[in-house]
N, C-alpha and C. Protein backbone atom coordinates (compact mmCIF):
# COMPACT_ATOMS: atom_id res chain seq x y z
N MET A 1 124.89 106.66 130.81
CA MET A 1 123.83 105.77 130.23
C MET A 1 123.05 106.94 129.28
N ARG A 2 123.06 108.07 130.01
CA ARG A 2 122.21 109.25 129.23
C ARG A 2 122.74 109.30 127.66
N SER A 3 124.05 109.38 127.48
CA SER A 3 124.66 109.47 126.33
C SER A 3 124.06 108.45 125.19
N ILE A 4 123.92 107.34 125.72
CA ILE A 4 123.07 106.31 124.64
C ILE A 4 121.73 107.30 124.18
N PHE A 5 120.82 107.74 124.77
CA PHE A 5 119.87 108.28 124.44
C PHE A 5 120.14 109.52 123.81
N LEU A 6 121.01 110.29 124.24
CA LEU A 6 121.19 111.42 123.17
C LEU A 6 121.68 111.08 121.94
N ALA A 7 122.07 109.74 121.54
CA ALA A 7 122.64 109.25 120.33
C ALA A 7 121.33 108.81 119.49
N LEU A 8 120.10 108.62 120.41
CA LEU A 8 118.72 108.01 119.53
C LEU A 8 118.39 108.71 118.55
N PRO A 9 118.27 110.33 118.56
CA PRO A 9 117.96 110.92 116.91
C PRO A 9 118.65 110.32 115.93
N LEU A 10 120.05 110.09 115.93
CA LEU A 10 120.63 109.57 114.85
C LEU A 10 120.12 108.20 114.67
N LEU A 11 119.71 107.39 115.41
CA LEU A 11 119.31 106.19 115.12
C LEU A 11 117.98 106.02 114.47
N MET A 12 117.18 107.18 114.92
CA MET A 12 115.96 107.62 113.99
C MET A 12 116.03 107.97 113.03
N LEU A 13 117.03 108.93 112.55
CA LEU A 13 117.17 109.31 111.26
C LEU A 13 117.75 108.18 110.28
N ALA A 14 118.65 107.19 110.87
CA ALA A 14 119.01 106.27 110.14
C ALA A 14 117.71 105.37 109.53
N ALA A 15 116.84 105.16 110.27
CA ALA A 15 115.62 104.57 109.89
C ALA A 15 115.08 105.29 108.72
N THR A 16 115.35 106.37 108.33
CA THR A 16 114.84 107.46 107.43
C THR A 16 115.31 106.88 105.96
N PRO A 17 114.72 106.68 104.87
CA PRO A 17 115.09 106.21 103.52
C PRO A 17 116.13 107.37 103.17
N ALA A 18 117.28 106.75 102.70
CA ALA A 18 118.36 107.53 102.47
C ALA A 18 118.25 108.23 101.03
N LEU A 19 117.40 107.92 100.05
CA LEU A 19 117.39 108.31 98.68
C LEU A 19 116.68 109.48 98.23
N ALA A 20 116.15 110.49 99.31
CA ALA A 20 115.25 111.38 99.20
C ALA A 20 116.06 112.39 98.44
N GLN A 21 114.86 112.94 97.14
CA GLN A 21 115.69 113.60 95.72
C GLN A 21 115.28 114.89 95.99
N GLU A 22 114.79 115.46 97.04
CA GLU A 22 114.19 116.91 97.15
C GLU A 22 114.33 117.20 98.60
N GLN A 23 114.87 118.44 98.98
CA GLN A 23 115.09 118.70 100.31
C GLN A 23 114.77 120.06 100.64
N ASP A 24 114.39 120.25 101.66
CA ASP A 24 114.04 121.85 102.14
C ASP A 24 114.43 122.01 103.44
N GLY A 25 114.71 123.19 103.91
CA GLY A 25 114.71 123.73 105.30
C GLY A 25 113.64 124.59 105.71
N GLU A 26 112.92 124.11 106.84
CA GLU A 26 111.74 124.76 107.49
C GLU A 26 111.83 125.43 108.66
N LEU A 27 111.06 126.26 108.85
CA LEU A 27 110.65 126.67 110.55
C LEU A 27 109.42 126.57 110.78
N TRP A 28 108.95 125.81 112.16
CA TRP A 28 107.67 125.83 112.58
C TRP A 28 107.53 126.49 114.01
N LEU A 29 106.64 127.51 113.83
CA LEU A 29 106.37 128.11 115.41
C LEU A 29 105.09 127.64 115.88
N THR A 30 104.90 127.37 116.93
CA THR A 30 103.72 127.01 117.66
C THR A 30 103.25 127.72 119.02
N THR A 31 102.14 128.22 119.11
CA THR A 31 101.51 128.48 120.23
C THR A 31 100.30 127.78 120.95
N GLY A 32 100.63 127.47 122.20
CA GLY A 32 99.25 126.58 122.51
C GLY A 32 99.05 126.89 124.05
N ALA A 33 97.62 126.78 124.55
CA ALA A 33 97.11 127.00 125.60
C ALA A 33 96.53 125.83 125.96
N SER A 34 96.22 125.70 127.21
CA SER A 34 95.27 124.92 128.01
C SER A 34 94.43 125.49 129.20
N LEU A 35 92.92 125.39 128.88
CA LEU A 35 92.37 125.91 129.64
C LEU A 35 91.24 124.50 130.65
N SER A 36 91.36 124.71 131.69
CA SER A 36 90.99 123.66 132.66
C SER A 36 89.25 123.86 132.54
N LEU A 37 88.72 122.89 132.38
CA LEU A 37 87.16 122.88 132.34
C LEU A 37 86.66 121.98 133.45
N GLY A 38 87.35 121.73 134.45
CA GLY A 38 86.99 120.85 135.46
C GLY A 38 88.29 119.95 135.73
N GLU A 39 88.12 118.63 136.95
CA GLU A 39 89.11 118.14 137.11
C GLU A 39 89.80 117.18 136.13
N HIS A 40 88.89 116.72 135.16
CA HIS A 40 89.42 115.61 134.46
C HIS A 40 89.35 116.17 132.88
N THR A 41 88.88 117.55 132.72
CA THR A 41 88.77 118.02 131.26
C THR A 41 89.33 119.36 130.96
N SER A 42 89.98 119.50 129.87
CA SER A 42 90.58 120.92 129.27
C SER A 42 90.08 121.12 127.95
N LEU A 43 90.08 122.55 127.75
CA LEU A 43 90.22 122.97 126.23
C LEU A 43 91.63 123.39 125.99
N ASP A 44 92.06 122.59 124.82
CA ASP A 44 93.65 122.80 124.35
C ASP A 44 93.55 123.52 122.91
N GLY A 45 94.12 124.49 122.82
CA GLY A 45 94.27 125.21 121.53
C GLY A 45 95.47 125.45 121.00
N GLU A 46 95.71 125.56 119.78
CA GLU A 46 96.79 125.86 119.21
C GLU A 46 96.86 126.66 118.08
N VAL A 47 97.89 127.62 117.50
CA VAL A 47 97.97 128.17 116.72
C VAL A 47 99.55 128.11 115.90
N LEU A 48 99.60 127.64 114.95
CA LEU A 48 100.68 127.41 114.04
C LEU A 48 101.16 128.20 112.74
N ALA A 49 102.44 128.28 112.49
CA ALA A 49 102.75 129.01 111.39
C ALA A 49 103.97 127.98 110.90
N ARG A 50 103.83 127.87 109.69
CA ARG A 50 105.05 126.96 108.82
C ARG A 50 105.76 127.86 107.65
N PHE A 51 106.92 127.77 107.72
CA PHE A 51 107.65 128.39 106.78
C PHE A 51 108.92 127.54 106.02
N SER A 52 108.81 127.80 104.78
CA SER A 52 109.81 127.00 104.29
C SER A 52 111.10 127.63 103.36
N ASP A 53 112.18 127.25 103.23
CA ASP A 53 113.04 128.19 102.36
C ASP A 53 112.64 128.22 100.93
N ALA A 54 111.78 127.38 100.59
CA ALA A 54 111.48 127.38 99.11
C ALA A 54 110.24 128.40 98.82
N ASP A 55 109.29 128.37 99.62
CA ASP A 55 107.85 129.03 99.41
C ASP A 55 107.61 130.27 100.79
N GLY A 56 108.40 130.34 101.71
CA GLY A 56 108.00 131.32 102.89
C GLY A 56 106.81 130.67 103.57
N LEU A 57 105.85 131.44 104.01
CA LEU A 57 104.86 130.90 104.78
C LEU A 57 104.07 129.93 103.86
N TYR A 58 103.77 128.60 104.21
CA TYR A 58 102.92 127.85 103.15
C TYR A 58 101.78 127.06 103.75
N GLU A 59 101.92 127.53 105.26
CA GLU A 59 100.71 126.75 106.09
C GLU A 59 100.53 127.27 107.44
N SER A 60 99.21 127.56 107.79
CA SER A 60 99.00 127.91 108.97
C SER A 60 97.86 127.02 109.54
N GLU A 61 97.77 126.97 110.81
CA GLU A 61 96.76 126.03 111.62
C GLU A 61 96.32 126.86 112.61
N PHE A 62 94.69 126.77 112.86
CA PHE A 62 94.15 127.26 113.94
C PHE A 62 93.45 126.22 114.58
N GLY A 63 93.33 125.68 115.69
CA GLY A 63 92.44 124.39 116.25
C GLY A 63 92.44 124.79 117.39
N ALA A 64 91.52 123.60 118.23
CA ALA A 64 91.38 123.24 119.52
C ALA A 64 90.63 122.17 119.67
N VAL A 65 90.99 121.41 120.63
CA VAL A 65 90.26 120.23 121.24
C VAL A 65 89.92 120.04 122.38
N VAL A 66 88.75 119.09 122.78
CA VAL A 66 88.44 119.22 124.31
C VAL A 66 89.08 117.83 124.53
N THR A 67 89.61 117.81 125.72
CA THR A 67 90.50 116.77 126.25
C THR A 67 89.87 116.26 127.68
N HIS A 68 89.69 114.88 127.56
CA HIS A 68 88.82 114.43 128.92
C HIS A 68 89.82 113.13 129.26
N ALA A 69 90.26 113.02 130.67
CA ALA A 69 91.09 112.08 131.10
C ALA A 69 89.98 111.09 131.61
N LEU A 70 90.22 109.72 131.08
CA LEU A 70 89.44 108.65 131.25
C LEU A 70 89.78 107.78 132.73
N SER A 71 91.22 107.92 132.88
CA SER A 71 92.06 107.32 134.11
C SER A 71 93.43 108.15 134.10
N ASP A 72 94.18 107.61 134.98
CA ASP A 72 95.46 108.15 135.05
C ASP A 72 96.25 108.05 133.95
N SER A 73 96.19 107.24 132.80
CA SER A 73 96.89 106.92 131.81
C SER A 73 96.26 106.86 130.70
N VAL A 74 94.76 107.11 130.74
CA VAL A 74 94.25 107.40 129.16
C VAL A 74 93.53 108.47 129.00
N THR A 75 93.65 109.28 127.93
CA THR A 75 92.70 110.36 127.87
C THR A 75 92.27 110.35 126.62
N ILE A 76 91.21 110.85 126.12
CA ILE A 76 90.43 110.86 124.69
C ILE A 76 90.36 112.35 124.66
N ALA A 77 90.23 112.92 123.03
CA ALA A 77 90.29 114.23 122.76
C ALA A 77 89.39 114.57 121.52
N ALA A 78 88.67 115.47 121.27
CA ALA A 78 88.10 115.60 120.11
C ALA A 78 87.70 117.22 119.64
N GLY A 79 88.04 117.52 118.52
CA GLY A 79 88.25 119.02 118.12
C GLY A 79 88.13 119.25 116.70
N PHE A 80 88.47 120.59 116.30
CA PHE A 80 88.47 120.92 115.14
C PHE A 80 89.83 121.82 114.66
N TYR A 81 90.39 121.59 113.36
CA TYR A 81 91.36 122.46 113.01
C TYR A 81 91.01 122.91 111.68
N ARG A 82 91.33 124.25 111.44
CA ARG A 82 91.46 125.00 110.20
C ARG A 82 92.84 125.25 109.80
N VAL A 83 93.07 124.74 108.52
CA VAL A 83 94.32 124.73 108.00
C VAL A 83 94.57 125.73 106.68
N PRO A 84 94.73 126.80 106.74
CA PRO A 84 94.95 127.46 104.97
C PRO A 84 96.16 127.14 104.65
N GLY A 85 96.32 126.91 103.31
CA GLY A 85 97.20 126.71 102.55
C GLY A 85 97.90 128.02 101.76
N TYR A 86 99.18 128.25 101.47
CA TYR A 86 99.50 129.20 100.69
C TYR A 86 100.74 128.82 99.71
N GLU A 87 100.76 129.72 98.59
CA GLU A 87 101.76 129.52 97.75
C GLU A 87 102.10 131.03 97.20
N GLN A 88 103.47 131.12 97.41
CA GLN A 88 103.98 132.48 97.01
C GLN A 88 103.23 133.53 97.45
N GLY A 89 102.62 133.30 99.04
CA GLY A 89 101.86 134.43 99.63
C GLY A 89 100.50 134.44 99.48
N ASN A 90 99.97 133.57 98.50
CA ASN A 90 98.59 133.86 98.47
C ASN A 90 98.06 132.39 98.80
N ARG A 91 96.79 132.66 99.35
CA ARG A 91 96.19 131.20 100.11
C ARG A 91 95.63 130.71 98.61
N THR A 92 95.80 129.58 98.71
CA THR A 92 95.41 128.44 97.66
C THR A 92 94.15 127.62 98.25
N HIS A 93 93.93 127.06 99.32
CA HIS A 93 92.85 126.25 99.80
C HIS A 93 92.61 126.54 101.42
N ILE A 94 91.67 125.96 101.69
CA ILE A 94 91.45 125.78 103.22
C ILE A 94 91.23 124.33 103.50
N ASP A 95 92.11 123.72 104.46
CA ASP A 95 91.75 122.16 104.81
C ASP A 95 91.09 122.27 106.10
N ASN A 96 89.72 122.09 106.26
CA ASN A 96 88.99 121.83 107.63
C ASN A 96 89.13 120.42 107.97
N ARG A 97 89.45 120.19 109.36
CA ARG A 97 89.68 119.08 109.75
C ARG A 97 89.09 118.68 111.24
N PRO A 98 88.09 117.99 111.40
CA PRO A 98 87.63 117.36 112.53
C PRO A 98 88.58 116.37 112.97
N ARG A 99 89.05 116.20 114.06
CA ARG A 99 89.93 115.40 114.88
C ARG A 99 89.47 114.72 115.97
N GLN A 100 89.93 113.54 116.19
CA GLN A 100 89.65 112.51 117.47
C GLN A 100 91.01 111.89 117.78
N GLN A 101 91.28 111.72 119.17
CA GLN A 101 92.40 110.98 119.15
C GLN A 101 92.26 110.31 120.72
N ILE A 102 93.14 109.29 120.88
CA ILE A 102 93.23 108.66 122.09
C ILE A 102 94.94 108.77 122.64
N THR A 103 94.90 108.86 123.88
CA THR A 103 96.46 108.95 124.42
C THR A 103 96.72 107.88 125.58
N VAL A 104 97.77 107.01 125.36
CA VAL A 104 97.86 106.09 126.42
C VAL A 104 99.06 105.89 126.96
N LYS A 105 99.36 106.29 128.35
CA LYS A 105 100.58 106.31 128.98
C LYS A 105 100.98 104.58 129.00
N LEU A 106 102.22 104.60 128.49
CA LEU A 106 102.67 103.14 128.60
C LEU A 106 103.44 102.87 129.83
N GLY A 107 103.89 103.57 130.81
CA GLY A 107 104.73 103.41 131.79
C GLY A 107 106.15 104.09 131.45
N THR A 108 107.22 103.29 132.40
CA THR A 108 108.53 103.95 132.44
C THR A 108 109.34 102.81 132.02
N PHE A 109 110.33 103.02 131.02
CA PHE A 109 111.14 101.93 130.54
C PHE A 109 112.57 102.80 130.16
N LEU A 110 113.74 102.15 130.20
CA LEU A 110 114.63 102.85 130.05
C LEU A 110 115.10 104.43 130.37
N GLY A 111 114.71 104.39 131.64
CA GLY A 111 114.91 105.65 132.15
C GLY A 111 113.84 106.68 132.20
N GLY A 112 112.88 106.37 131.16
CA GLY A 112 111.95 107.55 130.85
C GLY A 112 110.64 107.02 130.59
N SER A 113 109.73 107.82 130.31
CA SER A 113 108.11 107.47 130.27
C SER A 113 108.01 107.69 128.74
N TRP A 114 106.97 106.56 128.53
CA TRP A 114 106.44 106.12 127.21
C TRP A 114 105.01 106.53 126.97
N GLN A 115 104.77 106.96 125.75
CA GLN A 115 103.24 107.01 125.48
C GLN A 115 102.92 106.99 124.11
N LEU A 116 101.60 106.19 123.86
CA LEU A 116 101.29 106.08 122.62
C LEU A 116 99.91 106.90 122.15
N ARG A 117 100.10 107.51 121.05
CA ARG A 117 98.68 108.56 120.73
C ARG A 117 98.29 108.02 119.51
N GLY A 118 96.91 107.57 119.30
CA GLY A 118 96.20 107.46 117.99
C GLY A 118 95.24 108.60 117.51
N ARG A 119 95.42 109.19 116.27
CA ARG A 119 94.69 110.20 116.14
C ARG A 119 94.18 109.91 114.64
N SER A 120 92.93 110.58 114.46
CA SER A 120 92.06 110.41 113.19
C SER A 120 91.60 111.61 112.91
N GLU A 121 91.80 111.92 111.45
CA GLU A 121 91.04 113.09 110.94
C GLU A 121 90.31 112.87 109.69
N GLN A 122 89.27 113.85 109.47
CA GLN A 122 88.70 113.83 108.25
C GLN A 122 88.87 115.34 107.32
N ARG A 123 89.29 115.24 106.32
CA ARG A 123 89.61 116.52 105.70
C ARG A 123 88.63 116.87 104.78
N PHE A 124 88.12 118.30 105.14
CA PHE A 124 87.13 118.80 104.06
C PHE A 124 88.19 120.01 103.30
N ARG A 125 88.38 120.13 102.21
CA ARG A 125 89.05 120.79 101.52
C ARG A 125 88.48 121.90 100.54
N THR A 126 88.76 123.16 100.38
CA THR A 126 87.89 124.11 99.55
C THR A 126 88.25 123.77 98.02
N ASP A 127 89.12 123.24 97.42
CA ASP A 127 89.55 122.75 96.47
C ASP A 127 89.22 121.64 95.67
N GLY A 128 88.27 121.05 96.26
CA GLY A 128 87.60 119.53 95.86
C GLY A 128 86.29 119.39 96.80
N ASP A 129 85.54 118.27 96.29
CA ASP A 129 84.68 117.79 96.70
C ASP A 129 84.68 116.43 97.78
N ASP A 130 85.80 116.09 97.50
CA ASP A 130 85.97 114.67 98.35
C ASP A 130 86.39 114.63 99.86
N VAL A 131 85.99 114.00 100.51
CA VAL A 131 86.66 114.02 102.00
C VAL A 131 87.76 113.03 102.16
N GLY A 132 88.98 113.45 102.85
CA GLY A 132 89.98 112.73 102.78
C GLY A 132 90.24 112.20 104.42
N PHE A 133 90.32 110.78 104.37
CA PHE A 133 90.47 110.11 105.77
C PHE A 133 91.97 109.51 105.95
N ARG A 134 92.36 109.78 107.19
CA ARG A 134 93.69 109.59 107.64
C ARG A 134 93.82 109.16 108.94
N VAL A 135 94.79 108.43 109.32
CA VAL A 135 95.17 108.03 110.52
C VAL A 135 96.58 108.29 110.93
N ARG A 136 97.02 108.86 112.05
CA ARG A 136 98.35 109.48 112.67
C ARG A 136 98.63 108.98 113.81
N PRO A 137 99.20 107.64 113.92
CA PRO A 137 99.79 107.03 115.23
C PRO A 137 101.19 107.66 115.57
N GLN A 138 101.33 107.96 116.64
CA GLN A 138 102.48 108.35 117.33
C GLN A 138 103.12 107.46 118.48
N ILE A 139 104.28 107.19 118.82
CA ILE A 139 105.25 107.00 119.93
C ILE A 139 105.83 108.00 120.37
N ARG A 140 105.97 108.19 121.69
CA ARG A 140 106.90 109.45 122.39
C ARG A 140 107.60 108.84 123.42
N TYR A 141 108.79 109.28 123.65
CA TYR A 141 109.78 108.84 124.69
C TYR A 141 110.23 110.27 125.45
N ALA A 142 110.11 110.21 126.80
CA ALA A 142 110.50 111.39 127.50
C ALA A 142 111.38 110.98 128.59
N LEU A 143 112.72 111.63 128.51
CA LEU A 143 113.76 111.36 129.50
C LEU A 143 113.73 112.43 130.50
N PRO A 144 113.63 112.51 131.66
CA PRO A 144 114.02 113.63 132.60
C PRO A 144 115.27 113.90 132.84
N LEU A 145 115.80 115.21 132.74
CA LEU A 145 117.32 115.66 132.63
C LEU A 145 117.54 116.36 133.81
N GLY A 146 116.61 116.60 134.73
CA GLY A 146 116.61 117.37 136.04
C GLY A 146 116.29 118.74 136.02
N GLY A 147 115.76 119.33 136.92
CA GLY A 147 115.34 120.79 136.75
C GLY A 147 114.04 120.75 135.94
N ASP A 148 113.11 119.83 135.87
CA ASP A 148 111.82 119.66 135.16
C ASP A 148 112.32 119.81 133.44
N THR A 149 113.21 119.67 133.18
CA THR A 149 113.65 119.70 131.90
C THR A 149 113.61 118.28 131.24
N GLU A 150 113.00 118.19 130.09
CA GLU A 150 112.81 116.74 129.58
C GLU A 150 113.73 116.59 128.21
N PHE A 151 114.24 115.57 127.86
CA PHE A 151 114.69 115.31 126.33
C PHE A 151 113.54 114.17 125.75
N ARG A 152 113.07 114.69 124.57
CA ARG A 152 112.02 114.03 123.88
C ARG A 152 112.31 113.53 122.69
N LEU A 153 111.89 112.30 122.37
CA LEU A 153 111.71 111.62 120.90
C LEU A 153 110.61 111.15 120.92
N SER A 154 110.14 111.36 119.40
CA SER A 154 109.10 111.10 118.91
C SER A 154 109.04 110.61 117.33
N HIS A 155 108.03 109.41 117.15
CA HIS A 155 108.00 108.97 115.69
C HIS A 155 106.33 109.13 115.31
N GLU A 156 105.93 109.49 114.45
CA GLU A 156 104.84 109.74 113.83
C GLU A 156 104.66 109.35 112.38
N SER A 157 103.75 108.52 111.94
CA SER A 157 103.23 108.18 110.66
C SER A 157 101.98 108.62 110.19
N TYR A 158 101.91 108.99 109.10
CA TYR A 158 100.58 109.22 108.33
C TYR A 158 100.20 108.17 107.62
N PHE A 159 98.91 107.91 107.61
CA PHE A 159 98.34 106.68 106.91
C PHE A 159 97.23 107.31 106.10
N ASN A 160 97.13 107.53 104.81
CA ASN A 160 95.83 108.01 104.08
C ASN A 160 94.91 106.80 103.93
N LEU A 161 93.83 106.75 104.20
CA LEU A 161 92.61 105.71 103.79
C LEU A 161 92.27 105.64 102.79
N ASN A 162 92.21 106.77 101.79
CA ASN A 162 91.56 106.75 100.69
C ASN A 162 92.25 107.74 99.56
N ASP A 163 91.75 107.74 98.37
CA ASP A 163 92.12 108.71 97.26
C ASP A 163 91.22 109.74 97.33
N THR A 164 91.50 111.14 97.14
CA THR A 164 90.64 112.38 96.87
C THR A 164 90.83 113.11 95.40
N ASP A 165 89.60 113.79 94.92
CA ASP A 165 89.81 114.52 93.92
C ASP A 165 90.74 115.71 93.95
N TRP A 166 91.15 116.14 95.37
CA TRP A 166 92.11 117.08 95.52
C TRP A 166 93.58 116.67 95.71
N GLY A 167 93.90 115.34 95.48
CA GLY A 167 95.30 115.10 95.43
C GLY A 167 95.73 113.99 96.88
N GLN A 168 95.19 113.90 97.67
CA GLN A 168 95.23 112.89 98.48
C GLN A 168 95.50 111.34 97.94
N LYS A 169 96.32 110.64 98.26
CA LYS A 169 96.63 109.39 97.92
C LYS A 169 96.61 108.30 98.87
N GLY A 170 95.77 107.07 98.99
CA GLY A 170 95.94 106.08 99.90
C GLY A 170 97.44 105.80 100.13
N GLY A 171 97.59 105.41 101.38
CA GLY A 171 98.82 104.49 101.79
C GLY A 171 99.67 105.49 102.63
N HIS A 172 101.06 104.92 102.89
CA HIS A 172 101.84 105.51 103.99
C HIS A 172 102.26 106.61 103.48
N GLU A 173 101.88 107.98 103.63
CA GLU A 173 102.14 109.35 102.94
C GLU A 173 103.44 109.83 103.75
N ARG A 174 103.75 109.79 104.89
CA ARG A 174 104.73 110.58 105.51
C ARG A 174 105.03 109.98 106.85
N MET A 175 106.42 110.43 107.14
CA MET A 175 106.69 110.13 108.51
C MET A 175 107.61 110.99 109.07
N ARG A 176 107.32 111.26 110.37
CA ARG A 176 107.99 112.62 111.48
C ARG A 176 108.49 111.88 112.27
N ASN A 177 110.08 112.19 112.50
CA ASN A 177 111.01 111.88 113.72
C ASN A 177 111.66 113.12 114.30
N PHE A 178 111.13 113.37 115.54
CA PHE A 178 111.26 114.39 116.42
C PHE A 178 112.41 114.33 117.41
N ALA A 179 113.09 115.35 117.83
CA ALA A 179 113.97 115.21 118.85
C ALA A 179 114.10 116.56 119.44
N SER A 180 113.82 116.68 120.74
CA SER A 180 113.70 117.98 121.25
C SER A 180 113.76 118.09 122.89
N LEU A 181 114.10 119.36 123.18
CA LEU A 181 114.50 119.59 124.67
C LEU A 181 112.89 120.49 125.27
N ALA A 182 112.40 120.26 126.20
CA ALA A 182 111.11 121.16 126.79
C ALA A 182 111.55 121.43 128.04
N THR A 183 111.56 122.49 128.35
CA THR A 183 111.84 123.13 129.84
C THR A 183 110.87 124.12 130.19
N PRO A 184 110.43 124.31 131.31
CA PRO A 184 109.48 125.12 131.94
C PRO A 184 110.09 126.55 131.91
N LEU A 185 109.61 127.50 131.65
CA LEU A 185 110.06 128.87 131.80
C LEU A 185 109.64 129.31 133.10
N THR A 186 108.17 129.32 133.39
CA THR A 186 107.42 129.60 134.56
C THR A 186 106.86 128.68 135.00
N ASP A 187 105.89 128.74 136.08
CA ASP A 187 104.95 127.78 136.45
C ASP A 187 103.97 127.10 135.49
N THR A 188 103.37 127.99 134.66
CA THR A 188 102.65 127.82 133.64
C THR A 188 103.03 128.06 132.20
N LEU A 189 104.22 128.09 131.82
CA LEU A 189 104.73 128.37 130.49
C LEU A 189 105.93 127.29 130.27
N GLU A 190 105.73 126.72 129.35
CA GLU A 190 106.95 125.98 128.83
C GLU A 190 107.50 126.15 127.38
N LEU A 191 108.59 126.04 127.09
CA LEU A 191 109.25 126.18 125.62
C LEU A 191 109.69 125.07 125.32
N GLU A 192 109.28 124.23 124.31
CA GLU A 192 109.85 123.17 123.31
C GLU A 192 110.83 123.37 122.24
N ALA A 193 111.81 123.18 121.96
CA ALA A 193 112.68 123.30 120.89
C ALA A 193 113.09 122.38 120.38
N GLY A 194 113.33 122.00 118.98
CA GLY A 194 114.10 120.54 118.64
C GLY A 194 114.12 120.61 116.96
N TYR A 195 114.75 119.47 116.74
CA TYR A 195 114.86 119.09 115.08
C TYR A 195 113.95 118.17 114.75
N LEU A 196 112.98 118.31 113.70
CA LEU A 196 112.08 117.42 113.16
C LEU A 196 112.46 117.19 111.70
N ASN A 197 112.53 115.91 111.43
CA ASN A 197 112.93 115.35 109.98
C ASN A 197 111.49 114.79 109.60
N GLN A 198 110.99 115.10 108.56
CA GLN A 198 109.91 114.93 107.81
C GLN A 198 110.09 114.56 106.67
N TYR A 199 109.76 113.00 106.23
CA TYR A 199 109.95 112.34 105.04
C TYR A 199 108.65 112.10 104.64
N ARG A 200 108.46 112.76 103.30
CA ARG A 200 107.20 112.24 102.58
C ARG A 200 107.32 111.52 101.42
N PHE A 201 106.80 110.31 101.18
CA PHE A 201 106.77 109.18 100.04
C PHE A 201 106.35 109.79 98.89
N GLY A 202 106.94 109.73 97.65
CA GLY A 202 106.49 110.05 96.37
C GLY A 202 105.35 109.57 96.14
N GLN A 203 104.38 110.01 95.92
CA GLN A 203 103.21 109.49 95.28
C GLN A 203 102.67 109.86 93.76
N GLY A 204 102.12 108.71 93.05
CA GLY A 204 101.74 109.05 91.65
C GLY A 204 102.93 109.42 90.85
N GLY A 205 104.17 108.94 90.83
CA GLY A 205 105.30 109.39 89.96
C GLY A 205 106.31 110.63 90.71
N ASP A 206 105.58 111.24 91.80
CA ASP A 206 106.55 112.14 92.40
C ASP A 206 107.59 111.81 93.03
N THR A 207 108.74 112.40 93.43
CA THR A 207 109.77 111.87 94.02
C THR A 207 109.84 112.22 95.59
N ASP A 208 110.40 111.54 96.34
CA ASP A 208 110.18 111.55 97.84
C ASP A 208 110.95 112.81 98.14
N THR A 209 110.56 113.52 99.12
CA THR A 209 110.96 114.90 99.87
C THR A 209 111.31 114.68 101.38
N VAL A 210 112.29 115.37 101.86
CA VAL A 210 112.65 115.31 103.01
C VAL A 210 112.78 116.88 103.60
N ASP A 211 112.18 117.14 104.72
CA ASP A 211 112.21 118.28 105.24
C ASP A 211 112.72 118.30 106.36
N HIS A 212 113.86 119.46 106.64
CA HIS A 212 114.62 119.63 107.99
C HIS A 212 114.09 120.64 108.73
N VAL A 213 113.47 120.53 109.64
CA VAL A 213 112.73 121.42 110.39
C VAL A 213 113.14 121.77 111.57
N LEU A 214 113.37 123.30 111.75
CA LEU A 214 113.47 123.63 113.21
C LEU A 214 112.11 123.95 113.89
N SER A 215 111.64 123.43 115.25
CA SER A 215 110.54 123.52 115.30
C SER A 215 110.39 124.27 116.60
N VAL A 216 109.77 125.21 117.15
CA VAL A 216 109.80 126.00 118.41
C VAL A 216 108.25 126.04 118.87
N ALA A 217 108.06 125.82 119.78
CA ALA A 217 106.63 125.79 120.74
C ALA A 217 106.70 126.46 122.08
N VAL A 218 105.63 127.12 122.17
CA VAL A 218 105.47 127.81 123.86
C VAL A 218 104.03 127.62 123.92
N SER A 219 103.86 126.84 125.42
CA SER A 219 102.73 126.46 125.69
C SER A 219 102.39 126.98 126.89
N ILE A 220 101.06 127.51 127.15
CA ILE A 220 100.66 127.80 128.46
C ILE A 220 99.57 127.15 129.03
N ASP A 221 99.60 127.03 130.41
CA ASP A 221 98.64 126.24 131.00
C ASP A 221 97.66 127.28 132.08
N LEU A 222 96.41 127.63 131.46
CA LEU A 222 95.56 128.67 132.09
C LEU A 222 95.09 128.23 133.35
């Protein structure tokens, strides 16, 4: 039965449009930490670095959210991310993003657990005056493999809600399909590594692009 689930990444990629005209290989590195602020509340922080075959380091992220559990199945979170962008090693802009999200556990089906996350962001960029609004729904499936190791699949889409003077265009802007393995290294440290396929829809006459990403994340529970 599990061999079926191990084939799911291929099914996810089959749903990706096949005619992408530009492709790139990338490496994403993430470090995360979670600090308990009480029985139902935590402070969760992340630092990310994204590297491209074409451009080297092209984006970093620094952010934190406060997460609160409303029940065993529903959590809410709000926070702020600062996202510098780079081109050929030079910083070109900073994207400041207030963030809000809700996560709902959907229960167990097909041997694993499912959850749905809704995220909204407001984008204030230093290279323009307009505020960009977007939403990022995600669905995730986690299949236990034994020894606290999980096989995870997720799909996330980006929907821009408006046009801006710095280049955001309204509509379905991109989607991310991710397959990974997550395993604890210690009682408080987890490693997650996998393949992420990011498809960007061409806007304003641009061609579609697809990024093939090796994603490696280490998170610590403080």
